[in-house]
Amino acid sequence: MLHALEVFALRIYMAIFKVVTALMPFKWPRMFEGTGSSLDLIRHMADAGHRNVLVVTDAVLVKLGVLDKMKAELDTQGVKYVVYDGVEPNPTVEQIEAGYRMLMENGCQAILAVGGGSPIDAAKMIGARAKNNKPVLKLTGLLRVHKGMIPLFAVPTTAGTGAEVTIAAVVSDTENKRKVAAMDIRLLPTAAALDGSLMTGLPAHITSATGMDALTHAVEAFVSRNAMKKTDEKALEATQLIMKYLETAVADGNNLEARQKMARASHLAGIAFTQAGVGYVHGIAHKFGALYHTPHGLANAIVMPHVLDYSLPNCADRLAILARACGIGDKGADDVHLARAFIARIREMNAKFGIPTQLAALKAADIPAVAKSAIAEARFTYAVPRYMNQRVAESVIKNLLPTNT
């Protein structure tokens, strides 16, 4: 563990950060929710006077026809549009720059982002790039998007990232083999739609990984020392929804109720962690994404039980609240037993979804760098319940090594 004085200093800093966060003027996007709400969003966008739009998405969604109804509605509303479908998982600086050039060449006034976290994050950075006229990497960091971004309308097609209500956009810096993030309240979209009908075609493995991503957001926000009453309410509801509906969504992808409830869960978890923060699960998962291109939701799912095991001594009461709310464990058990039951439930879900207990790509030689990166990311950023030092972080990550290594 860290020295007591260092932990005390971090606690004081994060307490101040909590007050600042509570006072920040979050302007949450106007929300449209339910089957067909993506078309309602487009009508709202047209009514707002946006007549020339860049659609940011990925090639797979275009190929699957997910955008067909939305494009037809854009035509009906008389909105001119051009589609940029060059976004891939973990969007790079180069991909964002390509989208920015398309926006500028076509004189687009607003952006419609359709997809998972990657297209929405890319759209945020394209919009910020257009408004600030700065290179992408100059916009990363805390509160560096000084002029905001051009109007952004978001339609998530996965129930995981909550990107439609986050103030962050993650960018892959391929030259330096790292992931960096822009974090600014001016990166919140103008409006968004939670349309579960767009998610019915998602394969089971993506549904499970993105769902566990949303669960990670909710749980890390709930155990954060920066948690507040308003974030607790959203994180708790999100956790309950995920525990109730994720298995159904994975088993029956066409179940509209499960899809819509998962979309809402992702949204609520996004609001919760945007204000309360996340923790070491994300710190480690981000490095896995940068080093091995591990999908973010999958990385979170693999890492989460191990970090919660370590954190349990300092957050058993909080995990027990989640367990009771979700009907996990014996009602009469004490907090520690309920906390362990909650973590065990996460492991059961991972096993049921075919999510591995270890990361096949992880190399023993990389563990010190992964640990160092996770510690640096959390330090003065996340109000984690229990801090790690280099030795402890390495010991936690070693649990993820393939058994044949």
Protein backbone atom coordinates (compact mmCIF):
# COMPACT_ATOMS: atom_id res chain seq x y z
CA MET A 1 0.00 0.00 0.00
CA LEU A 2 0.94 3.65 -0.25
CA HIS A 3 2.34 5.51 2.74
CA ALA A 4 -0.39 6.84 5.05
CA LEU A 5 0.60 10.47 4.42
CA GLU A 6 0.42 9.99 0.66
CA VAL A 7 -3.00 8.35 0.92
CA PHE A 8 -4.19 11.20 3.14
CA ALA A 9 -3.02 13.78 0.58
CA LEU A 10 -4.80 11.91 -2.22
CA ARG A 11 -7.99 11.70 -0.16
CA ILE A 12 -7.92 15.46 0.51
CA TYR A 13 -7.32 16.24 -3.15
CA MET A 14 -10.14 13.96 -4.29
CA ALA A 15 -12.52 15.42 -1.69
CA ILE A 16 -11.88 18.84 -3.18
CA PHE A 17 -12.34 17.38 -6.66
CA LYS A 18 -15.68 15.94 -5.54
CA VAL A 19 -16.91 19.38 -4.49
CA VAL A 20 -15.76 20.89 -7.78
CA THR A 21 -17.48 18.12 -9.75
CA ALA A 22 -20.72 18.63 -7.82
CA LEU A 23 -20.68 22.31 -8.78
CA MET A 24 -19.85 21.80 -12.46
CA PRO A 25 -22.63 22.97 -14.85
CA PHE A 26 -23.36 19.68 -16.62
CA LYS A 27 -25.73 20.32 -19.51
CA TRP A 28 -27.09 16.86 -20.15
CA PRO A 29 -28.34 16.15 -23.67
CA ARG A 30 -32.03 16.18 -24.46
CA MET A 31 -33.06 12.54 -24.51
CA PHE A 32 -35.40 10.58 -26.78
CA GLU A 33 -36.16 7.07 -25.62
CA GLY A 34 -37.90 3.99 -27.02
CA THR A 35 -38.41 2.17 -30.31
CA GLY A 36 -38.11 4.64 -33.18
CA SER A 37 -36.61 7.38 -31.00
CA SER A 38 -33.65 7.65 -33.38
CA LEU A 39 -36.08 9.04 -35.98
CA ASP A 40 -37.52 11.44 -33.40
CA LEU A 41 -33.99 12.68 -32.81
CA ILE A 42 -33.50 13.35 -36.52
CA ARG A 43 -36.75 15.31 -36.68
CA HIS A 44 -35.60 17.31 -33.66
CA MET A 45 -32.27 17.97 -35.34
CA ALA A 46 -33.98 19.17 -38.51
CA ASP A 47 -36.37 21.38 -36.52
CA ALA A 48 -33.33 22.97 -34.89
CA GLY A 49 -32.22 24.12 -38.35
CA HIS A 50 -29.36 21.73 -39.05
CA ARG A 51 -29.57 21.13 -42.80
CA ASN A 52 -26.10 19.83 -43.64
CA VAL A 53 -24.87 16.99 -41.46
CA LEU A 54 -21.86 14.68 -41.22
CA VAL A 55 -22.95 11.16 -40.21
CA VAL A 56 -20.14 9.47 -38.26
CA THR A 57 -20.37 5.69 -37.98
CA ASP A 58 -18.52 2.50 -38.86
CA ALA A 59 -18.54 0.40 -42.01
CA VAL A 60 -20.13 -2.64 -40.35
CA LEU A 61 -23.24 -0.71 -39.33
CA VAL A 62 -23.56 0.69 -42.83
CA LYS A 63 -23.23 -2.79 -44.32
CA LEU A 64 -25.86 -4.18 -41.94
CA GLY A 65 -28.32 -1.47 -42.93
CA VAL A 66 -28.63 -0.08 -39.40
CA LEU A 67 -28.60 3.47 -40.79
CA ASP A 68 -31.13 2.91 -43.60
CA LYS A 69 -34.21 4.23 -41.76
CA MET A 70 -32.28 7.18 -40.39
CA LYS A 71 -30.97 8.10 -43.84
CA ALA A 72 -34.51 7.88 -45.21
CA GLU A 73 -35.71 10.20 -42.45
CA LEU A 74 -32.91 12.66 -43.19
CA ASP A 75 -34.10 12.68 -46.82
CA THR A 76 -37.71 13.18 -45.71
CA GLN A 77 -36.69 16.11 -43.53
CA GLY A 78 -34.69 17.68 -46.37
CA VAL A 79 -31.38 17.35 -44.51
CA LYS A 80 -28.31 17.03 -46.68
CA TYR A 81 -25.78 14.54 -45.32
CA VAL A 82 -22.53 12.77 -46.04
CA VAL A 83 -21.49 9.54 -44.33
CA TYR A 84 -18.05 9.01 -42.80
CA ASP A 85 -17.79 5.30 -41.95
CA GLY A 86 -14.04 5.08 -41.39
CA VAL A 87 -14.19 4.75 -37.61
CA GLU A 88 -12.80 1.51 -36.20
CA PRO A 89 -12.64 0.24 -32.60
CA ASN A 90 -10.32 2.46 -30.54
CA PRO A 91 -10.46 5.38 -33.02
CA THR A 92 -7.10 6.82 -33.97
CA VAL A 93 -5.92 10.36 -34.52
CA GLU A 94 -5.74 9.60 -38.25
CA GLN A 95 -9.35 8.44 -38.38
CA ILE A 96 -10.54 11.56 -36.59
CA GLU A 97 -8.55 13.77 -38.95
CA ALA A 98 -10.10 11.99 -41.96
CA GLY A 99 -13.59 12.66 -40.59
CA TYR A 100 -12.70 16.27 -39.91
CA ARG A 101 -11.54 16.75 -43.49
CA MET A 102 -14.81 15.30 -44.80
CA LEU A 103 -16.79 17.62 -42.55
CA MET A 104 -14.89 20.69 -43.72
CA GLU A 105 -14.94 19.73 -47.41
CA ASN A 106 -18.72 19.32 -47.31
CA GLY A 107 -19.50 22.35 -45.17
CA CYS A 108 -21.36 20.31 -42.55
CA GLN A 109 -22.94 22.27 -39.70
CA ALA A 110 -23.62 19.42 -37.28
CA ILE A 111 -22.77 15.78 -36.64
CA LEU A 112 -25.00 12.73 -36.25
CA ALA A 113 -23.03 9.95 -34.53
CA VAL A 114 -24.41 6.44 -34.87
CA GLY A 115 -22.67 3.50 -33.25
CA GLY A 116 -20.93 2.33 -30.13
CA GLY A 117 -18.45 4.28 -28.06
CA SER A 118 -15.88 4.50 -30.86
CA PRO A 119 -18.01 6.39 -33.43
CA ILE A 120 -19.44 8.65 -30.72
CA ASP A 121 -15.98 9.43 -29.29
CA ALA A 122 -14.64 10.05 -32.79
CA ALA A 123 -17.58 12.34 -33.52
CA LYS A 124 -16.88 14.33 -30.35
CA MET A 125 -13.29 14.87 -31.40
CA ILE A 126 -14.24 15.73 -34.99
CA GLY A 127 -16.70 18.30 -33.63
CA ALA A 128 -14.14 19.70 -31.20
CA ARG A 129 -11.48 19.76 -33.91
CA ALA A 130 -13.80 21.81 -36.14
CA LYS A 131 -14.68 24.34 -33.45
CA ASN A 132 -11.23 24.78 -31.90
CA ASN A 133 -9.03 24.46 -35.00
CA LYS A 134 -6.35 22.55 -33.05
CA PRO A 135 -4.69 19.18 -33.70
CA VAL A 136 -6.47 16.29 -32.01
CA LEU A 137 -3.80 15.60 -29.40
CA LYS A 138 -3.80 19.26 -28.36
CA LEU A 139 -7.43 18.79 -27.32
CA THR A 140 -6.76 15.79 -25.07
CA GLY A 141 -6.37 16.19 -21.35
CA LEU A 142 -8.57 17.98 -18.84
CA LEU A 143 -10.73 20.94 -19.92
CA ARG A 144 -8.80 21.74 -23.10
CA VAL A 145 -11.77 21.88 -25.49
CA HIS A 146 -12.11 25.59 -24.83
CA LYS A 147 -14.55 26.42 -27.61
CA GLY A 148 -16.68 23.29 -27.26
CA MET A 149 -17.76 21.46 -30.40
CA ILE A 150 -20.25 21.89 -33.20
CA PRO A 151 -23.74 20.44 -32.45
CA LEU A 152 -23.58 16.67 -31.95
CA PHE A 153 -26.55 14.30 -31.98
CA ALA A 154 -25.82 10.76 -30.76
CA VAL A 155 -27.51 7.42 -31.38
CA PRO A 156 -25.77 4.63 -29.44
CA THR A 157 -26.15 1.18 -30.99
CA THR A 158 -24.58 -0.71 -28.09
CA ALA A 159 -25.59 -0.69 -24.43
CA GLY A 160 -22.24 -0.24 -22.77
CA THR A 161 -20.21 2.92 -23.01
CA GLY A 162 -22.80 5.55 -22.15
CA ALA A 163 -20.82 7.80 -24.49
CA GLU A 164 -23.92 9.87 -25.19
CA VAL A 165 -23.68 11.30 -21.65
CA THR A 166 -19.96 11.25 -20.94
CA ILE A 167 -17.60 14.22 -21.01
CA ALA A 168 -14.74 12.12 -22.34
CA ALA A 169 -13.54 10.98 -25.73
CA VAL A 170 -10.81 8.35 -25.92
CA VAL A 171 -8.27 8.53 -28.74
CA SER A 172 -5.62 5.99 -29.77
CA ASP A 173 -2.25 7.60 -30.33
CA THR A 174 -0.72 4.91 -32.55
CA GLU A 175 2.61 6.68 -32.88
CA ASN A 176 3.24 6.49 -29.14
CA LYS A 177 1.25 3.27 -28.55
CA ARG A 178 -1.04 4.79 -25.96
CA LYS A 179 -4.63 5.81 -25.36
CA VAL A 180 -5.37 9.37 -24.34
CA ALA A 181 -8.63 11.09 -23.48
CA ALA A 182 -10.13 14.52 -23.86
CA MET A 183 -12.23 15.34 -20.80
CA ASP A 184 -14.41 18.42 -20.89
CA ILE A 185 -18.07 19.14 -20.05
CA ARG A 186 -18.28 20.81 -23.46
CA LEU A 187 -18.07 17.35 -25.06
CA LEU A 188 -21.63 16.47 -24.03
CA PRO A 189 -23.90 15.97 -27.08
CA THR A 190 -26.79 18.31 -27.76
CA ALA A 191 -29.31 15.47 -27.86
CA ALA A 192 -29.36 11.68 -28.04
CA ALA A 193 -31.69 8.75 -28.62
CA LEU A 194 -31.89 5.43 -26.79
CA ASP A 195 -33.46 3.22 -29.44
CA GLY A 196 -33.31 -0.42 -28.36
CA SER A 197 -34.57 -1.59 -31.75
CA LEU A 198 -31.20 -0.67 -33.26
CA MET A 199 -29.46 -3.12 -30.94
CA THR A 200 -31.40 -6.28 -31.81
CA GLY A 201 -28.82 -7.38 -34.37
CA LEU A 202 -25.87 -7.30 -31.98
CA PRO A 203 -24.15 -10.69 -31.59
CA ALA A 204 -24.22 -12.28 -28.14
CA HIS A 205 -20.49 -11.76 -27.48
CA ILE A 206 -20.75 -8.02 -28.15
CA THR A 207 -23.96 -7.74 -26.13
CA SER A 208 -22.29 -9.39 -23.14
CA ALA A 209 -19.05 -7.43 -23.34
CA THR A 210 -20.79 -4.07 -23.70
CA GLY A 211 -23.23 -4.97 -20.95
CA MET A 212 -20.37 -5.80 -18.60
CA ASP A 213 -18.78 -2.51 -19.59
CA ALA A 214 -21.91 -0.71 -18.37
CA LEU A 215 -21.84 -2.77 -15.18
CA THR A 216 -18.23 -1.75 -14.59
CA HIS A 217 -19.21 1.91 -14.94
CA ALA A 218 -22.05 1.52 -12.46
CA VAL A 219 -20.08 -0.46 -9.88
CA GLU A 220 -16.92 1.67 -10.00
CA ALA A 221 -19.04 4.82 -9.72
CA PHE A 222 -20.91 3.37 -6.74
CA VAL A 223 -17.79 2.38 -4.79
CA SER A 224 -15.96 5.61 -5.66
CA ARG A 225 -15.25 7.96 -2.77
CA ASN A 226 -16.59 10.69 -5.05
CA ALA A 227 -20.02 9.07 -5.18
CA MET A 228 -22.93 11.38 -4.39
CA LYS A 229 -26.63 10.79 -3.76
CA LYS A 230 -27.48 11.65 -7.37
CA THR A 231 -24.83 9.30 -8.77
CA ASP A 232 -25.73 6.54 -6.30
CA GLU A 233 -29.33 6.57 -7.50
CA LYS A 234 -28.32 6.16 -11.13
CA ALA A 235 -25.56 3.61 -10.49
CA LEU A 236 -27.88 1.53 -8.31
CA GLU A 237 -30.69 1.51 -10.88
CA ALA A 238 -28.24 0.71 -13.66
CA THR A 239 -26.83 -2.24 -11.69
CA GLN A 240 -30.33 -3.58 -10.98
CA LEU A 241 -31.31 -3.32 -14.66
CA ILE A 242 -28.14 -5.06 -15.85
CA MET A 243 -28.46 -7.87 -13.35
CA LYS A 244 -32.09 -8.38 -14.41
CA TYR A 245 -31.91 -7.95 -18.19
CA LEU A 246 -28.39 -8.60 -19.51
CA GLU A 247 -28.66 -12.38 -19.57
CA THR A 248 -31.95 -12.11 -21.49
CA ALA A 249 -30.44 -9.67 -23.99
CA VAL A 250 -27.52 -12.06 -24.56
CA ALA A 251 -29.71 -15.15 -24.88
CA ASP A 252 -32.44 -13.50 -26.99
CA GLY A 253 -31.08 -10.55 -28.92
CA ASN A 254 -34.51 -9.78 -30.37
CA ASN A 255 -36.09 -9.19 -26.98
CA LEU A 256 -36.96 -5.50 -27.30
CA GLU A 257 -37.73 -5.01 -23.62
CA ALA A 258 -34.32 -6.34 -22.60
CA ARG A 259 -32.59 -4.24 -25.26
CA GLN A 260 -34.37 -1.06 -24.19
CA LYS A 261 -33.71 -1.69 -20.49
CA MET A 262 -30.03 -2.29 -21.23
CA ALA A 263 -29.87 0.93 -23.23
CA ARG A 264 -31.28 2.76 -20.23
CA ALA A 265 -28.86 1.00 -17.87
CA SER A 266 -25.90 2.04 -19.98
CA HIS A 267 -27.20 5.61 -20.06
CA LEU A 268 -27.67 5.80 -16.28
CA ALA A 269 -24.27 4.25 -15.62
CA GLY A 270 -22.74 6.79 -18.00
CA ILE A 271 -24.18 9.70 -16.03
CA ALA A 272 -23.04 8.11 -12.75
CA PHE A 273 -19.42 7.56 -13.69
CA THR A 274 -19.15 10.88 -15.53
CA GLN A 275 -19.58 12.56 -12.15
CA ALA A 276 -18.31 9.98 -9.64
CA GLY A 277 -15.48 8.56 -11.76
CA VAL A 278 -14.23 5.03 -12.27
CA GLY A 279 -11.12 3.26 -10.98
CA TYR A 280 -8.38 0.70 -11.44
CA VAL A 281 -10.53 -1.59 -13.59
CA HIS A 282 -10.52 1.11 -16.24
CA GLY A 283 -6.90 2.02 -15.63
CA ILE A 284 -5.78 -1.53 -16.35
CA ALA A 285 -8.28 -2.10 -19.17
CA HIS A 286 -7.18 1.05 -20.98
CA LYS A 287 -3.60 -0.20 -21.08
CA PHE A 288 -4.76 -3.59 -22.37
CA GLY A 289 -6.57 -1.78 -25.15
CA ALA A 290 -3.50 0.26 -26.05
CA LEU A 291 -1.06 -2.68 -25.93
CA TYR A 292 -3.15 -5.56 -27.27
CA HIS A 293 -6.20 -3.87 -28.84
CA THR A 294 -8.42 -5.74 -26.38
CA PRO A 295 -12.02 -4.49 -26.75
CA HIS A 296 -12.72 -2.17 -23.85
CA GLY A 297 -15.84 -3.89 -22.52
CA LEU A 298 -14.17 -7.29 -22.65
CA ALA A 299 -11.10 -5.96 -20.84
CA ASN A 300 -13.27 -4.42 -18.12
CA ALA A 301 -15.18 -7.68 -17.64
CA ILE A 302 -11.97 -9.69 -17.26
CA VAL A 303 -10.34 -7.24 -14.86
CA MET A 304 -13.33 -6.24 -12.69
CA PRO A 305 -13.55 -9.22 -10.29
CA HIS A 306 -9.82 -9.04 -9.50
CA VAL A 307 -9.86 -5.33 -8.69
CA LEU A 308 -13.02 -5.72 -6.61
CA ASP A 309 -11.37 -8.56 -4.67
CA TYR A 310 -8.53 -6.18 -3.78
CA SER A 311 -10.84 -3.23 -3.05
CA LEU A 312 -13.32 -5.21 -0.92
CA PRO A 313 -11.79 -4.41 2.52
CA ASN A 314 -12.52 -0.71 1.89
CA CYS A 315 -15.90 -0.97 0.15
CA ALA A 316 -17.66 -4.08 1.46
CA ASP A 317 -20.56 -1.96 2.71
CA ARG A 318 -21.07 -0.41 -0.73
CA LEU A 319 -20.90 -3.73 -2.58
CA ALA A 320 -23.31 -5.17 -0.02
CA ILE A 321 -25.84 -2.45 -0.86
CA LEU A 322 -25.64 -3.47 -4.52
CA ALA A 323 -26.02 -7.14 -3.59
CA ARG A 324 -29.13 -6.48 -1.48
CA ALA A 325 -30.68 -4.29 -4.19
CA CYS A 326 -30.16 -7.05 -6.78
CA GLY A 327 -31.27 -9.93 -4.55
CA ILE A 328 -27.80 -11.49 -4.49
CA GLY A 329 -26.66 -13.55 -1.52
CA ASP A 330 -28.33 -14.37 1.78
CA LYS A 331 -30.42 -11.45 3.07
CA GLY A 332 -29.22 -12.09 6.60
CA ALA A 333 -25.52 -12.17 5.71
CA ASP A 334 -23.11 -9.47 6.82
CA ASP A 335 -21.61 -6.90 4.47
CA VAL A 336 -18.42 -8.85 3.75
CA HIS A 337 -20.29 -12.01 2.79
CA LEU A 338 -22.73 -10.05 0.60
CA ALA A 339 -19.84 -8.20 -1.06
CA ARG A 340 -18.17 -11.52 -1.84
CA ALA A 341 -21.46 -12.87 -3.19
CA PHE A 342 -21.76 -9.84 -5.48
CA ILE A 343 -18.25 -10.38 -6.88
CA ALA A 344 -19.01 -14.09 -7.26
CA ARG A 345 -22.11 -13.17 -9.26
CA ILE A 346 -19.97 -11.12 -11.64
CA ARG A 347 -17.69 -14.10 -12.13
CA GLU A 348 -20.74 -16.32 -12.79
CA MET A 349 -21.98 -13.90 -15.43
CA ASN A 350 -18.58 -13.80 -17.10
CA ALA A 351 -18.47 -17.59 -17.20
CA LYS A 352 -21.98 -17.83 -18.61
CA PHE A 353 -21.09 -15.33 -21.34
CA GLY A 354 -17.85 -17.11 -22.24
CA ILE A 355 -15.69 -14.25 -21.02
CA PRO A 356 -12.26 -15.64 -20.02
CA THR A 357 -10.85 -15.35 -16.54
CA GLN A 358 -7.44 -14.39 -17.95
CA LEU A 359 -6.15 -12.30 -20.84
CA ALA A 360 -4.55 -14.51 -23.48
CA ALA A 361 -2.48 -11.64 -24.93
CA LEU A 362 -0.96 -10.58 -21.60
CA LYS A 363 2.80 -11.03 -21.34
CA ALA A 364 4.62 -11.19 -18.02
CA ALA A 365 7.19 -8.71 -19.31
CA ASP A 366 4.44 -6.12 -19.86
CA ILE A 367 3.00 -6.28 -16.35
CA PRO A 368 5.22 -3.58 -14.78
CA ALA A 369 4.29 -1.12 -17.54
CA VAL A 370 0.57 -1.96 -17.26
CA ALA A 371 0.72 -1.48 -13.49
CA LYS A 372 2.60 1.80 -13.78
CA SER A 373 0.11 3.13 -16.32
CA ALA A 374 -2.92 2.14 -14.22
CA ILE A 375 -1.46 3.77 -11.11
CA ALA A 376 -0.68 6.96 -13.01
CA GLU A 377 -4.17 7.09 -14.52
CA ALA A 378 -5.88 6.68 -11.15
CA ARG A 379 -3.62 9.03 -9.20
CA PHE A 380 -5.36 12.42 -8.70
CA THR A 381 -8.04 11.27 -11.20
CA TYR A 382 -10.09 8.49 -9.60
CA ALA A 383 -11.29 8.43 -5.99
CA VAL A 384 -10.78 4.69 -5.64
CA PRO A 385 -11.77 2.99 -2.36
CA ARG A 386 -8.32 1.45 -1.89
CA TYR A 387 -5.11 2.65 -3.50
CA MET A 388 -2.42 0.45 -5.04
CA ASN A 389 1.32 0.83 -5.25
CA GLN A 390 3.46 -0.71 -8.00
CA ARG A 391 3.99 -4.01 -6.20
CA VAL A 392 0.31 -4.48 -5.39
CA ALA A 393 -0.84 -3.50 -8.86
CA GLU A 394 1.57 -6.00 -10.42
CA SER A 395 0.31 -8.76 -8.11
CA VAL A 396 -3.31 -8.05 -9.12
CA ILE A 397 -2.47 -8.05 -12.82
CA LYS A 398 -0.45 -11.28 -12.55
CA ASN A 399 -3.74 -13.04 -11.80
CA LEU A 400 -4.70 -12.31 -15.42
CA LEU A 401 -1.73 -14.10 -16.97
CA PRO A 402 -2.62 -17.13 -19.10
CA THR A 403 -2.07 -20.27 -17.02
CA ASN A 404 0.31 -21.74 -19.63
CA THR A 405 2.66 -18.75 -19.38
